[in-house]
C-alpha atoms as a PDB file:
ATOM      1  CA  MET A   1       3.557  26.384  -4.708  1.00  0.00           C
ATOM      2  CA  ALA A   2       6.869  25.273  -3.239  1.00  0.00           C
ATOM      3  CA  VAL A   3       8.510  21.897  -3.925  1.00  0.00           C
ATOM      4  CA  TYR A   4      10.991  20.468  -1.432  1.00  0.00           C
ATOM      5  CA  ALA A   5      13.146  17.348  -1.540  1.00  0.00           C
ATOM      6  CA  ILE A   6      13.851  15.895   1.905  1.00  0.00           C
ATOM      7  CA  GLY A   7      16.697  13.540   2.810  1.00  0.00           C
ATOM      8  CA  ASP A   8      16.603  10.217   4.675  1.00  0.00           C
ATOM      9  CA  ILE A   9      14.326  10.424   7.740  1.00  0.00           C
ATOM     10  CA  GLN A  10      15.067   7.012   9.321  1.00  0.00           C
ATOM     11  CA  GLY A  11      12.042   7.154  11.590  1.00  0.00           C
ATOM     12  CA  CYS A  12      12.817  10.597  13.072  1.00  0.00           C
ATOM     13  CA  TYR A  13       9.259  11.909  13.010  1.00  0.00           C
ATOM     14  CA  GLU A  14       9.779  14.837  15.380  1.00  0.00           C
ATOM     15  CA  SER A  15      12.694  16.086  13.264  1.00  0.00           C
ATOM     16  CA  LEU A  16      10.533  15.847  10.145  1.00  0.00           C
ATOM     17  CA  ARG A  17       7.684  17.835  11.673  1.00  0.00           C
ATOM     18  CA  ALA A  18      10.106  20.447  13.023  1.00  0.00           C
ATOM     19  CA  LEU A  19      11.684  20.804   9.574  1.00  0.00           C
ATOM     20  CA  LEU A  20       8.282  21.161   7.909  1.00  0.00           C
ATOM     21  CA  GLU A  21       7.382  23.873  10.394  1.00  0.00           C
ATOM     22  CA  ARG A  22      10.631  25.680   9.665  1.00  0.00           C
ATOM     23  CA  ILE A  23       9.958  25.714   5.902  1.00  0.00           C
ATOM     24  CA  ASP A  24       6.292  26.611   6.498  1.00  0.00           C
ATOM     25  CA  PHE A  25       5.069  23.583   4.571  1.00  0.00           C
ATOM     26  CA  GLN A  26       1.404  23.903   3.637  1.00  0.00           C
ATOM     27  CA  SER A  27      -0.135  20.669   2.392  1.00  0.00           C
ATOM     28  CA  ALA A  28      -2.815  22.539   0.461  1.00  0.00           C
ATOM     29  CA  ARG A  29      -0.260  24.211  -1.797  1.00  0.00           C
ATOM     30  CA  ASP A  30       3.217  22.661  -1.444  1.00  0.00           C
ATOM     31  CA  ARG A  31       4.753  19.318  -2.408  1.00  0.00           C
ATOM     32  CA  LEU A  32       7.398  17.093  -0.860  1.00  0.00           C
ATOM     33  CA  TRP A  33       9.809  14.639  -2.501  1.00  0.00           C
ATOM     34  CA  PHE A  34      11.439  12.061  -0.207  1.00  0.00           C
ATOM     35  CA  THR A  35      14.722  10.296  -1.013  1.00  0.00           C
ATOM     36  CA  GLY A  36      13.709   7.056   0.752  1.00  0.00           C
ATOM     37  CA  ASP A  37      14.781   5.360   3.976  1.00  0.00           C
ATOM     38  CA  LEU A  38      11.699   6.716   5.659  1.00  0.00           C
ATOM     39  CA  VAL A  39      11.994   4.094   8.372  1.00  0.00           C
ATOM     40  CA  ASN A  40      13.946   1.814  10.641  1.00  0.00           C
ATOM     41  CA  ARG A  41      16.468   2.941  13.223  1.00  0.00           C
ATOM     42  CA  GLY A  42      14.735   6.037  14.586  1.00  0.00           C
ATOM     43  CA  PRO A  43      12.046   6.050  17.260  1.00  0.00           C
ATOM     44  CA  GLN A  44       8.899   6.756  15.225  1.00  0.00           C
ATOM     45  CA  SER A  45       8.866   4.951  11.881  1.00  0.00           C
ATOM     46  CA  LEU A  46       5.140   4.276  12.182  1.00  0.00           C
ATOM     47  CA  GLU A  47       4.360   7.957  12.633  1.00  0.00           C
ATOM     48  CA  VAL A  48       6.563   8.870   9.653  1.00  0.00           C
ATOM     49  CA  LEU A  49       4.761   6.391   7.393  1.00  0.00           C
ATOM     50  CA  ARG A  50       1.317   7.439   8.547  1.00  0.00           C
ATOM     51  CA  TYR A  51       2.049  11.121   8.046  1.00  0.00           C
ATOM     52  CA  ILE A  52       3.567  10.821   4.565  1.00  0.00           C
ATOM     53  CA  HIS A  53       0.825   8.406   3.491  1.00  0.00           C
ATOM     54  CA  SER A  54      -1.775  10.929   4.697  1.00  0.00           C
ATOM     55  CA  LEU A  55      -0.356  13.593   2.359  1.00  0.00           C
ATOM     56  CA  GLY A  56      -1.548  11.666  -0.699  1.00  0.00           C
ATOM     57  CA  GLU A  57      -0.468  13.321  -3.945  1.00  0.00           C
ATOM     58  CA  ARG A  58       1.311  16.118  -2.060  1.00  0.00           C
ATOM     59  CA  ALA A  59       4.129  13.668  -1.259  1.00  0.00           C
ATOM     60  CA  GLN A  60       6.327  11.611  -3.559  1.00  0.00           C
ATOM     61  CA  VAL A  61       8.529   8.812  -2.209  1.00  0.00           C
ATOM     62  CA  VAL A  62      11.231   6.618  -3.732  1.00  0.00           C
ATOM     63  CA  LEU A  63      12.204   3.411  -1.956  1.00  0.00           C
ATOM     64  CA  GLY A  64      15.467   3.048  -0.048  1.00  0.00           C
ATOM     65  CA  ASN A  65      17.250  -0.006   1.310  1.00  0.00           C
ATOM     66  CA  HIS A  66      15.682   0.352   4.773  1.00  0.00           C
ATOM     67  CA  ASP A  67      12.214   0.599   3.265  1.00  0.00           C
ATOM     68  CA  LEU A  68      12.881  -2.624   1.355  1.00  0.00           C
ATOM     69  CA  HIS A  69      14.093  -4.249   4.572  1.00  0.00           C
ATOM     70  CA  LEU A  70      10.803  -3.375   6.253  1.00  0.00           C
ATOM     71  CA  LEU A  71       8.870  -4.880   3.349  1.00  0.00           C
ATOM     72  CA  SER A  72      11.020  -8.013   3.519  1.00  0.00           C
ATOM     73  CA  VAL A  73      10.261  -8.522   7.204  1.00  0.00           C
ATOM     74  CA  TRP A  74       6.558  -7.889   6.581  1.00  0.00           C
ATOM     75  CA  ALA A  75       6.485 -10.313   3.631  1.00  0.00           C
ATOM     76  CA  GLY A  76       8.120 -13.108   5.639  1.00  0.00           C
ATOM     77  CA  PRO A  77      11.707 -13.832   4.551  1.00  0.00           C
ATOM     78  CA  GLY A  78      13.324 -10.904   6.347  1.00  0.00           C
ATOM     79  CA  GLU A  79      14.275 -10.880  10.019  1.00  0.00           C
ATOM     80  CA  ILE A  80      14.432  -7.965  12.418  1.00  0.00           C
ATOM     81  CA  LYS A  81      18.077  -7.088  13.086  1.00  0.00           C
ATOM     82  CA  GLN A  82      19.792  -5.588  16.080  1.00  0.00           C
ATOM     83  CA  GLY A  83      19.118  -1.858  16.033  1.00  0.00           C
ATOM     84  CA  ASP A  84      15.923  -2.118  13.967  1.00  0.00           C
ATOM     85  CA  ASN A  85      12.848  -0.357  15.300  1.00  0.00           C
ATOM     86  CA  LEU A  86      10.173  -1.880  13.094  1.00  0.00           C
ATOM     87  CA  ARG A  87       7.825  -3.762  15.409  1.00  0.00           C
ATOM     88  CA  PRO A  88       5.461  -0.805  15.955  1.00  0.00           C
ATOM     89  CA  VAL A  89       4.933  -0.673  12.174  1.00  0.00           C
ATOM     90  CA  LEU A  90       4.405  -4.408  11.804  1.00  0.00           C
ATOM     91  CA  GLU A  91       2.008  -4.609  14.754  1.00  0.00           C
ATOM     92  CA  ALA A  92      -0.041  -1.506  13.913  1.00  0.00           C
ATOM     93  CA  PRO A  93      -3.723  -1.986  12.988  1.00  0.00           C
ATOM     94  CA  ASP A  94      -3.094  -0.159   9.698  1.00  0.00           C
ATOM     95  CA  SER A  95       0.095  -2.109   8.876  1.00  0.00           C
ATOM     96  CA  GLU A  96      -1.416  -3.843   5.827  1.00  0.00           C
ATOM     97  CA  GLU A  97      -2.560  -0.546   4.354  1.00  0.00           C
ATOM     98  CA  LEU A  98       0.799   1.101   4.925  1.00  0.00           C
ATOM     99  CA  MET A  99       2.787  -1.820   3.507  1.00  0.00           C
ATOM    100  CA  HIS A 100       0.542  -2.002   0.435  1.00  0.00           C
ATOM    101  CA  TRP A 101       1.161   1.713  -0.120  1.00  0.00           C
ATOM    102  CA  LEU A 102       4.912   1.392   0.446  1.00  0.00           C
ATOM    103  CA  ARG A 103       5.435  -1.497  -1.965  1.00  0.00           C
ATOM    104  CA  HIS A 104       3.775   0.581  -4.703  1.00  0.00           C
ATOM    105  CA  GLN A 105       6.256   3.451  -4.434  1.00  0.00           C
ATOM    106  CA  PRO A 106       8.765   3.826  -7.294  1.00  0.00           C
ATOM    107  CA  LEU A 107      12.538   3.445  -7.411  1.00  0.00           C
ATOM    108  CA  LEU A 108      12.946   6.426  -9.734  1.00  0.00           C
ATOM    109  CA  TYR A 109      10.691   9.463  -9.990  1.00  0.00           C
ATOM    110  CA  GLU A 110      10.638  12.345 -12.442  1.00  0.00           C
ATOM    111  CA  GLU A 111       8.116  14.866 -13.721  1.00  0.00           C
ATOM    112  CA  PRO A 112       7.683  16.141 -17.288  1.00  0.00           C
ATOM    113  CA  GLY A 113       9.636  19.336 -17.802  1.00  0.00           C
ATOM    114  CA  SER A 114      11.557  19.055 -14.531  1.00  0.00           C
ATOM    115  CA  PRO A 115      15.373  18.891 -14.598  1.00  0.00           C
ATOM    116  CA  TYR A 116      15.361  16.668 -11.500  1.00  0.00           C
ATOM    117  CA  VAL A 117      15.319  12.883 -11.135  1.00  0.00           C
ATOM    118  CA  LEU A 118      14.708  11.461  -7.657  1.00  0.00           C
ATOM    119  CA  VAL A 119      16.349   8.196  -6.525  1.00  0.00           C
ATOM    120  CA  HIS A 120      17.596   6.817  -3.224  1.00  0.00           C
ATOM    121  CA  ALA A 121      21.251   5.867  -3.800  1.00  0.00           C
ATOM    122  CA  GLY A 122      22.058   6.906  -7.370  1.00  0.00           C
ATOM    123  CA  ILE A 123      21.960   5.965 -11.041  1.00  0.00           C
ATOM    124  CA  LEU A 124      24.480   3.565 -12.546  1.00  0.00           C
ATOM    125  CA  PRO A 125      26.955   5.637 -14.623  1.00  0.00           C
ATOM    126  CA  SER A 126      26.681   3.319 -17.639  1.00  0.00           C
ATOM    127  CA  TRP A 127      22.889   3.695 -17.872  1.00  0.00           C
ATOM    128  CA  THR A 128      21.153   6.268 -19.989  1.00  0.00           C
ATOM    129  CA  LEU A 129      18.132   7.866 -18.378  1.00  0.00           C
ATOM    130  CA  ALA A 130      15.896   5.701 -20.565  1.00  0.00           C
ATOM    131  CA  GLU A 131      17.721   2.570 -19.372  1.00  0.00           C
ATOM    132  CA  ALA A 132      17.440   3.687 -15.751  1.00  0.00           C
ATOM    133  CA  ARG A 133      13.693   4.238 -16.198  1.00  0.00           C
ATOM    134  CA  SER A 134      13.288   0.803 -17.747  1.00  0.00           C
ATOM    135  CA  CYS A 135      15.269  -0.928 -14.986  1.00  0.00           C
ATOM    136  CA  ALA A 136      13.278   0.882 -12.308  1.00  0.00           C
ATOM    137  CA  ARG A 137      10.007  -0.241 -13.885  1.00  0.00           C
ATOM    138  CA  GLU A 138      11.241  -3.869 -13.936  1.00  0.00           C
ATOM    139  CA  LEU A 139      11.985  -3.774 -10.237  1.00  0.00           C
ATOM    140  CA  GLU A 140       8.731  -2.009  -9.391  1.00  0.00           C
ATOM    141  CA  ALA A 141       6.765  -4.677 -11.243  1.00  0.00           C
ATOM    142  CA  ALA A 142       8.475  -7.389  -9.194  1.00  0.00           C
ATOM    143  CA  LEU A 143       7.752  -5.556  -5.922  1.00  0.00           C
ATOM    144  CA  ARG A 144       4.088  -5.292  -6.857  1.00  0.00           C
ATOM    145  CA  GLY A 145       3.863  -8.907  -8.029  1.00  0.00           C
ATOM    146  CA  PRO A 146       1.868 -11.745  -6.474  1.00  0.00           C
ATOM    147  CA  ASP A 147       4.727 -13.320  -4.455  1.00  0.00           C
ATOM    148  CA  LEU A 148       6.628 -10.650  -2.567  1.00  0.00           C
ATOM    149  CA  GLY A 149       8.124 -13.273  -0.264  1.00  0.00           C
ATOM    150  CA  ASP A 150       9.777 -15.068  -3.189  1.00  0.00           C
ATOM    151  CA  PHE A 151      11.201 -11.756  -4.380  1.00  0.00           C
ATOM    152  CA  PHE A 152      12.885 -11.105  -1.047  1.00  0.00           C
ATOM    153  CA  ARG A 153      14.180 -14.670  -0.765  1.00  0.00           C
ATOM    154  CA  HIS A 154      16.291 -14.044  -3.874  1.00  0.00           C
ATOM    155  CA  ILE A 155      17.096 -10.346  -3.939  1.00  0.00           C
ATOM    156  CA  TYR A 156      19.768  -9.930  -1.257  1.00  0.00           C
ATOM    157  CA  GLY A 157      23.492 -10.247  -1.992  1.00  0.00           C
ATOM    158  CA  ASP A 158      26.385  -8.355  -3.561  1.00  0.00           C
ATOM    159  CA  ARG A 159      26.644 -10.243  -6.844  1.00  0.00           C
ATOM    160  CA  PRO A 160      26.772  -9.654  -9.703  1.00  0.00           C
ATOM    161  CA  VAL A 161      28.923  -6.560  -9.251  1.00  0.00           C
ATOM    162  CA  ARG A 162      28.848  -5.474 -12.917  1.00  0.00           C
ATOM    163  CA  TRP A 163      25.935  -4.670 -15.167  1.00  0.00           C
ATOM    164  CA  GLN A 164      25.368  -6.463 -18.436  1.00  0.00           C
ATOM    165  CA  ASN A 165      22.295  -6.023 -20.585  1.00  0.00           C
ATOM    166  CA  SER A 166      22.177  -9.804 -20.898  1.00  0.00           C
ATOM    167  CA  LEU A 167      21.653 -10.310 -17.161  1.00  0.00           C
ATOM    168  CA  GLY A 168      18.422 -12.132 -16.459  1.00  0.00           C
ATOM    169  CA  GLY A 169      16.314 -13.535 -13.665  1.00  0.00           C
ATOM    170  CA  TRP A 170      17.213 -12.835 -10.069  1.00  0.00           C
ATOM    171  CA  ASP A 171      20.754 -11.706 -10.943  1.00  0.00           C
ATOM    172  CA  ARG A 172      19.275  -8.892 -13.000  1.00  0.00           C
ATOM    173  CA  LEU A 173      16.772  -7.801 -10.362  1.00  0.00           C
ATOM    174  CA  ARG A 174      19.393  -8.055  -7.607  1.00  0.00           C
ATOM    175  CA  PHE A 175      21.795  -5.797  -9.461  1.00  0.00           C
ATOM    176  CA  ILE A 176      19.061  -3.252 -10.206  1.00  0.00           C
ATOM    177  CA  THR A 177      18.062  -3.259  -6.537  1.00  0.00           C
ATOM    178  CA  ASN A 178      21.653  -2.693  -5.450  1.00  0.00           C
ATOM    179  CA  ALA A 179      22.220   0.108  -7.951  1.00  0.00           C
ATOM    180  CA  PHE A 180      19.153   2.082  -6.909  1.00  0.00           C
ATOM    181  CA  THR A 181      19.252   1.460  -3.152  1.00  0.00           C
ATOM    182  CA  ARG A 182      22.811   0.543  -2.027  1.00  0.00           C
ATOM    183  CA  MET A 183      25.330   2.026  -4.468  1.00  0.00           C
ATOM    184  CA  ARG A 184      28.005   4.440  -3.329  1.00  0.00           C
ATOM    185  CA  TYR A 185      31.226   3.547  -5.147  1.00  0.00           C
ATOM    186  CA  CYS A 186      32.045   2.238  -8.617  1.00  0.00           C
ATOM    187  CA  ALA A 187      35.220   1.321 -10.438  1.00  0.00           C
ATOM    188  CA  ALA A 188      35.900   2.734 -13.874  1.00  0.00           C
ATOM    189  CA  ASP A 189      34.763  -0.592 -15.369  1.00  0.00           C
ATOM    190  CA  GLY A 190      31.424  -0.307 -13.579  1.00  0.00           C
ATOM    191  CA  ALA A 191      32.069  -2.738 -10.697  1.00  0.00           C
ATOM    192  CA  LEU A 192      30.147  -1.796  -7.555  1.00  0.00           C
ATOM    193  CA  LEU A 193      31.794  -1.719  -4.119  1.00  0.00           C
ATOM    194  CA  PHE A 194      29.644  -2.409  -1.049  1.00  0.00           C
ATOM    195  CA  ASP A 195      32.035  -2.957   1.867  1.00  0.00           C
ATOM    196  CA  TYR A 196      33.256   0.645   2.183  1.00  0.00           C
ATOM    197  CA  LYS A 197      30.869   3.423   3.273  1.00  0.00           C
ATOM    198  CA  GLY A 198      33.247   6.191   4.276  1.00  0.00           C
ATOM    199  CA  ALA A 199      34.289   9.479   2.749  1.00  0.00           C
ATOM    200  CA  PRO A 200      35.626   9.629  -0.829  1.00  0.00           C
ATOM    201  CA  GLU A 201      39.018  10.882   0.340  1.00  0.00           C
ATOM    202  CA  ALA A 202      39.776   7.478   1.887  1.00  0.00           C
ATOM    203  CA  ALA A 203      38.140   5.253  -0.735  1.00  0.00           C
ATOM    204  CA  PRO A 204      39.958   2.072  -1.812  1.00  0.00           C
ATOM    205  CA  PRO A 205      42.205   2.598  -4.841  1.00  0.00           C
ATOM    206  CA  GLY A 206      40.374   2.444  -8.143  1.00  0.00           C
ATOM    207  CA  TYR A 207      36.938   3.228  -6.724  1.00  0.00           C
ATOM    208  CA  TYR A 208      35.103   6.519  -7.016  1.00  0.00           C
ATOM    209  CA  PRO A 209      31.709   7.920  -6.036  1.00  0.00           C
ATOM    210  CA  TRP A 210      29.171   6.867  -8.652  1.00  0.00           C
ATOM    211  CA  PHE A 211      28.604  10.536  -9.547  1.00  0.00           C
ATOM    212  CA  ALA A 212      32.330  11.087 -10.212  1.00  0.00           C
ATOM    213  CA  ILE A 213      32.782   8.350 -12.831  1.00  0.00           C
ATOM    214  CA  PRO A 214      33.701  10.029 -16.149  1.00  0.00           C
ATOM    215  CA  GLY A 215      31.279   9.761 -19.062  1.00  0.00           C
ATOM    216  CA  ARG A 216      28.104   9.236 -17.024  1.00  0.00           C
ATOM    217  CA  ARG A 217      25.601   8.505 -19.767  1.00  0.00           C
ATOM    218  CA  PHE A 218      22.485   9.668 -17.936  1.00  0.00           C
ATOM    219  CA  GLN A 219      23.988  13.103 -17.234  1.00  0.00           C
ATOM    220  CA  GLN A 220      24.655  13.705 -20.898  1.00  0.00           C
ATOM    221  CA  GLN A 221      20.938  14.481 -20.955  1.00  0.00           C
ATOM    222  CA  GLY A 222      21.299  17.475 -18.625  1.00  0.00           C
ATOM    223  CA  ILE A 223      19.490  16.127 -15.571  1.00  0.00           C
ATOM    224  CA  THR A 224      20.219  16.671 -11.900  1.00  0.00           C
ATOM    225  CA  VAL A 225      19.978  13.578  -9.694  1.00  0.00           C
ATOM    226  CA  ILE A 226      18.546  14.063  -6.199  1.00  0.00           C
ATOM    227  CA  CYS A 227      19.612  11.311  -3.806  1.00  0.00           C
ATOM    228  CA  GLY A 228      20.135  10.380  -0.180  1.00  0.00           C
ATOM    229  CA  HIS A 229      21.606   7.163   1.298  1.00  0.00           C
ATOM    230  CA  TRP A 230      25.116   8.466   1.999  1.00  0.00           C
ATOM    231  CA  SER A 231      25.251  10.314   5.301  1.00  0.00           C
ATOM    232  CA  THR A 232      29.056  10.399   5.492  1.00  0.00           C
ATOM    233  CA  LEU A 233      29.040  12.297   2.196  1.00  0.00           C
ATOM    234  CA  GLY A 234      26.823  14.991   3.665  1.00  0.00           C
ATOM    235  CA  LEU A 235      25.224  17.773   1.686  1.00  0.00           C
ATOM    236  CA  ARG A 236      26.661  17.896  -1.823  1.00  0.00           C
ATOM    237  CA  CYS A 237      25.410  20.340  -4.444  1.00  0.00           C
ATOM    238  CA  GLU A 238      27.272  20.345  -7.724  1.00  0.00           C
ATOM    239  CA  ALA A 239      26.590  20.078 -11.425  1.00  0.00           C
ATOM    240  CA  GLY A 240      24.123  17.250 -11.937  1.00  0.00           C
ATOM    241  CA  LEU A 241      23.867  16.259  -8.249  1.00  0.00           C
ATOM    242  CA  LEU A 242      21.922  17.149  -5.113  1.00  0.00           C
ATOM    243  CA  ALA A 243      22.916  14.713  -2.337  1.00  0.00           C
ATOM    244  CA  ILE A 244      20.871  15.574   0.752  1.00  0.00           C
ATOM    245  CA  ASP A 245      21.349  12.828   3.356  1.00  0.00           C
ATOM    246  CA  THR A 246      22.904  14.909   6.129  1.00  0.00           C
ATOM    247  CA  GLY A 247      22.903  12.306   8.893  1.00  0.00           C
ATOM    248  CA  CYS A 248      19.545  12.606  10.588  1.00  0.00           C
ATOM    249  CA  LEU A 249      19.519   9.920  13.302  1.00  0.00           C
ATOM    250  CA  TRP A 250      23.324   9.761  13.275  1.00  0.00           C
ATOM    251  CA  GLY A 251      23.626  13.029  15.199  1.00  0.00           C
ATOM    252  CA  GLY A 252      23.464  15.201  12.090  1.00  0.00           C
ATOM    253  CA  GLU A 253      20.582  17.069  10.486  1.00  0.00           C
ATOM    254  CA  LEU A 254      17.517  16.523   8.352  1.00  0.00           C
ATOM    255  CA  THR A 255      17.738  18.634   5.212  1.00  0.00           C
ATOM    256  CA  ALA A 256      15.190  19.986   2.752  1.00  0.00           C
ATOM    257  CA  ALA A 257      16.183  21.329  -0.665  1.00  0.00           C
ATOM    258  CA  ARG A 258      13.763  23.750  -2.282  1.00  0.00           C
ATOM    259  CA  LEU A 259      13.520  22.837  -5.960  1.00  0.00           C
ATOM    260  CA  ASP A 260      11.369  25.567  -7.526  1.00  0.00           C
ATOM    261  CA  GLY A 261      13.943  28.130  -8.632  1.00  0.00           C
ATOM    262  CA  GLU A 262      17.589  27.970  -7.561  1.00  0.00           C
ATOM    263  CA  PRO A 263      18.098  25.227  -4.942  1.00  0.00           C
ATOM    264  CA  GLN A 264      17.920  26.456  -1.365  1.00  0.00           C
ATOM    265  CA  PHE A 265      18.798  24.276   1.642  1.00  0.00           C
ATOM    266  CA  ILE A 266      17.165  24.281   5.058  1.00  0.00           C
ATOM    267  CA  SER A 267      18.259  21.906   7.820  1.00  0.00           C
ATOM    268  CA  MET A 268      16.962  20.886  11.226  1.00  0.00           C
ATOM    269  CA  PRO A 269      19.317  19.410  13.857  1.00  0.00           C
ATOM    270  CA  CYS A 270      18.425  15.901  14.974  1.00  0.00           C
ATOM    271  CA  GLN A 271      18.820  14.927  18.621  1.00  0.00           C
ATOM    272  CA  ALA A 272      19.177  11.188  17.894  1.00  0.00           C
ATOM    273  CA  ARG A 273      22.556   9.586  18.429  1.00  0.00           C
ATOM    274  CA  MET A 274      23.360   6.176  17.007  1.00  0.00           C
ATOM    275  CA  LYS A 275      26.499   4.327  15.972  1.00  0.00           C
ATOM    276  CA  PRO A 276      27.274   5.155  12.306  1.00  0.00           C
ATOM    277  CA  ASP A 277      26.324   1.828  10.725  1.00  0.00           C
ATOM    278  CA  ARG A 278      24.101   2.719   7.774  1.00  0.00           C
END
C-alpha cells in the first residue's frame, strides 16, 4: 500500500487524474491525503469533489480557505466573487450530498503511529499538538452544527491577530479558522499577518513563516506537518515540514508526496494560467 499527500487542486480535475495516473494510484490498495483547497478557481471543481468523495476511506481531506468559501456560499451568507468557478457545484443535483460530506471533513488529520500531521495552512507555533487537536475539534463542531449560516456570518475577518487561551465566542473560532486555513506569516510574539502573500525573502520586517518561528511547541513532539496553501513558497521539504502547494492553477504543478518510507515527490504540470491572487 502506498500513501500519497497531494497539494492544493483548486478545481484542476484533469491535472489530478493525470497525476494519479503517473503515480499508478490504485484505489483498492493505496490512500490519498489532500491538503485542502479542492475547489474554486479551476475549471472542474464539481468533478474534483465527486471523484474524491467517491474514494470513500481511501481519501482523507482537510479543509482549506477555498473549501470554506464554497460552504459559505452554499449556506447563504457568502457571495460568489470575481474569479470563482463554483456555480456548477452549487447547481449540481448531488450538491447537498457533496456539501454535507465537505462540511464533515476535519481541519487537522493524523493517524496513530504516523509522524505526519495534515493541515491546510499550518499550525500556530505557540500551540502544542494537543492544543492544535483541541482547537481543530472546536472548529469542526461549529462547522457541523445546526446553523452553518450563522457560523459564516461571524467567522470572516483578520482579528484578533494574537492567540490567547481566554479567547471566547466568535473571536476564538475566527482565530482558529485563520490559523488553520489562512496563516502564512507570524511575528515572534505570535501576531498573524494576512496582507502579504509573497516569498519569505521579501517579508515585512519582524515577520517570518510560521514554520520558522523559534521554539515551535508542536514540533517539540517530533512531528512533520504536511501543508499546502502557499503556492509562492513552492515545494519545501525540511525538518518538520512538507509544504506541497506547487502552484497548480497558477501555471505551476500539482505535486504528490509519497509518505510510506522516505518522502518522494512526483509532480504534474498544470496548463491553467491565472493571475496569482490566492
